[in-house]
Amino acid sequence: MAFPRMPDLATGNFLVSIEGMEPMSLTSVTGLGFEVVVLEDHESRGTGGQAPHRNPGMNKVTPVTLSTVELEKAFQLGKWRNNCENRVERKSVSIHLHDASGIPVMGFDLTNAWPSAIAINSVPTAGEGWIQIDVTLVHEGIQRLVL
């Protein structure tokens, strides 16, 4: 009986689960953010210097960038990106931030994510250092998880 492979949490603080892929620990995740567009009420502008009434508008989400120095993980993400050239393959993505002892402290779910860009950001010179691969995911929504 084969045991399932456990994700390696020693190389990163983020555990990322992408639908249909093995969970992966990554060195960096950036762009986890969301905001609400603020709408100003134009009818209140002639009120003698008072601030306009503001209302919440549409939700905006930012692209999320996943960074890794492990080429096997970069290959999986790159393969997904290549598949999207013919037909966009949207997947659910779950991101958990772990503390130094490996305990999850914060989590996010991305809805209908797909990779829009892949970049090699740092290439070692003279054979020293790490190759860092960055994959940018666009998505249709982000939800904070209660852990």
Protein backbone atom coordinates (compact mmCIF):
# COMPACT_ATOMS: atom_id res chain seq x y z
CA MET A 1 0.00 0.00 0.00
CA ALA A 2 1.46 3.34 -1.05
CA PHE A 3 1.23 6.29 1.29
CA PRO A 4 0.28 9.72 -0.09
CA ARG A 5 3.18 12.10 -0.53
CA MET A 6 3.21 14.78 2.16
CA PRO A 7 3.88 18.35 1.01
CA ASP A 8 7.31 19.71 1.87
CA LEU A 9 6.78 22.61 4.28
CA ALA A 10 10.46 23.21 5.04
CA THR A 11 11.08 25.44 2.02
CA GLY A 12 8.24 27.92 2.31
CA ASN A 13 5.65 29.51 4.50
CA PHE A 14 2.75 29.08 2.08
CA LEU A 15 0.91 25.87 1.32
CA VAL A 16 -0.90 26.23 -2.00
CA SER A 17 -3.49 23.72 -3.20
CA ILE A 18 -4.54 23.98 -6.83
CA GLU A 19 -7.40 21.84 -8.10
CA GLY A 20 -5.97 18.73 -9.78
CA MET A 21 -2.36 19.27 -8.58
CA GLU A 22 -0.37 18.08 -5.59
CA PRO A 23 -0.23 20.60 -2.72
CA MET A 24 2.95 22.68 -2.92
CA SER A 25 4.84 24.83 -0.46
CA LEU A 26 6.07 28.05 -1.99
CA THR A 27 8.63 30.64 -0.92
CA SER A 28 6.44 33.66 -1.61
CA VAL A 29 2.85 34.63 -2.39
CA THR A 30 2.10 38.28 -3.14
CA GLY A 31 -0.98 40.24 -4.15
CA LEU A 32 -3.48 38.68 -1.75
CA GLY A 33 -5.74 41.67 -1.57
CA PHE A 34 -9.16 43.03 -2.28
CA GLU A 35 -10.88 46.37 -2.08
CA VAL A 36 -14.25 47.94 -2.69
CA VAL A 37 -14.55 50.78 -5.19
CA VAL A 38 -15.88 53.88 -3.44
CA LEU A 39 -18.76 55.69 -5.16
CA GLU A 40 -19.32 59.35 -4.33
CA ASP A 41 -22.82 60.79 -4.31
CA HIS A 42 -22.70 63.69 -6.79
CA GLU A 43 -25.89 65.29 -5.47
CA SER A 44 -24.15 66.23 -2.21
CA ARG A 45 -21.44 68.36 -3.89
CA GLY A 46 -23.31 71.65 -3.59
CA THR A 47 -23.65 71.41 0.19
CA GLY A 48 -21.25 74.19 1.14
CA GLY A 49 -18.00 72.31 1.67
CA GLN A 50 -19.31 69.18 3.29
CA ALA A 51 -17.79 65.88 2.27
CA PRO A 52 -19.77 63.91 -0.30
CA HIS A 53 -21.71 60.84 0.79
CA ARG A 54 -19.76 57.68 -0.10
CA ASN A 55 -21.18 54.24 -0.91
CA PRO A 56 -19.57 50.87 -1.59
CA GLY A 57 -19.32 49.90 -5.24
CA MET A 58 -17.95 46.90 -7.08
CA ASN A 59 -15.39 44.58 -5.44
CA LYS A 60 -11.90 44.66 -6.99
CA VAL A 61 -9.38 41.86 -6.65
CA THR A 62 -5.68 41.95 -7.40
CA PRO A 63 -3.67 39.33 -9.29
CA VAL A 64 -1.79 36.88 -7.05
CA THR A 65 1.83 35.97 -7.76
CA LEU A 66 3.20 32.59 -6.69
CA SER A 67 7.00 32.30 -6.42
CA THR A 68 9.07 29.15 -6.17
CA VAL A 69 12.69 28.08 -6.54
CA GLU A 70 11.78 24.42 -7.05
CA LEU A 71 11.77 23.56 -10.72
CA GLU A 72 9.33 20.64 -10.36
CA LYS A 73 6.68 22.98 -8.96
CA ALA A 74 7.48 25.59 -11.59
CA PHE A 75 7.02 22.91 -14.26
CA GLN A 76 3.51 22.06 -12.97
CA LEU A 77 2.53 25.74 -12.95
CA GLY A 78 4.11 26.31 -16.37
CA LYS A 79 2.23 23.34 -17.83
CA TRP A 80 -1.04 24.83 -16.56
CA ARG A 81 -0.09 28.17 -18.15
CA ASN A 82 0.69 26.49 -21.49
CA ASN A 83 -2.68 24.70 -21.46
CA CYS A 84 -4.41 28.09 -21.10
CA GLU A 85 -3.10 29.28 -24.46
CA ASN A 86 -5.69 27.13 -26.27
CA ARG A 87 -8.50 27.25 -23.71
CA VAL A 88 -8.50 29.02 -20.34
CA GLU A 89 -8.48 26.37 -17.62
CA ARG A 90 -9.96 27.94 -14.48
CA LYS A 91 -9.28 26.22 -11.17
CA SER A 92 -9.97 26.66 -7.48
CA VAL A 93 -6.89 27.68 -5.50
CA SER A 94 -6.47 27.55 -1.74
CA ILE A 95 -3.57 29.37 -0.03
CA HIS A 96 -2.63 28.82 3.62
CA LEU A 97 -0.03 30.92 5.42
CA HIS A 98 1.94 28.95 8.04
CA ASP A 99 3.88 30.29 11.00
CA ALA A 100 7.47 29.23 11.81
CA SER A 101 6.28 26.06 13.56
CA GLY A 102 4.19 25.01 10.53
CA ILE A 103 0.77 25.81 11.99
CA PRO A 104 -1.69 27.42 9.54
CA VAL A 105 -2.58 30.92 10.71
CA MET A 106 -4.39 32.43 7.73
CA GLY A 107 -6.06 31.12 4.59
CA PHE A 108 -7.57 32.34 1.34
CA ASP A 109 -9.58 30.71 -1.46
CA LEU A 110 -9.37 32.05 -5.02
CA THR A 111 -12.33 31.46 -7.34
CA ASN A 112 -11.86 30.59 -11.03
CA ALA A 113 -8.12 31.32 -11.07
CA TRP A 114 -5.89 30.87 -14.11
CA PRO A 115 -2.26 31.76 -14.84
CA SER A 116 -1.90 34.90 -16.95
CA ALA A 117 1.90 35.19 -16.85
CA ILE A 118 5.03 33.26 -15.97
CA ALA A 119 8.46 34.84 -15.48
CA ILE A 120 11.96 33.82 -14.50
CA ASN A 121 12.87 36.57 -12.06
CA SER A 122 16.30 35.74 -10.78
CA VAL A 123 18.90 33.77 -12.64
CA PRO A 124 22.14 33.00 -10.81
CA THR A 125 25.39 34.25 -12.27
CA ALA A 126 28.48 32.02 -12.28
CA GLY A 127 26.37 29.07 -11.14
CA GLU A 128 25.64 30.44 -7.66
CA GLY A 129 22.21 31.19 -6.27
CA TRP A 130 18.65 30.15 -7.04
CA ILE A 131 16.42 30.39 -10.07
CA GLN A 132 13.10 31.96 -9.03
CA ILE A 133 9.99 31.37 -11.10
CA ASP A 134 6.98 33.70 -10.67
CA VAL A 135 3.50 32.75 -11.87
CA THR A 136 0.75 35.39 -11.87
CA LEU A 137 -2.80 34.17 -11.29
CA VAL A 138 -5.87 36.21 -12.14
CA HIS A 139 -9.13 35.24 -10.50
CA GLU A 140 -12.75 36.20 -10.06
CA GLY A 141 -12.89 36.44 -6.29
CA ILE A 142 -11.06 35.92 -3.02
CA GLN A 143 -12.47 34.70 0.26
CA ARG A 144 -10.72 34.78 3.64
CA LEU A 145 -10.89 31.45 5.44
CA VAL A 146 -11.46 30.99 9.14
CA LEU A 147 -8.84 28.54 10.41
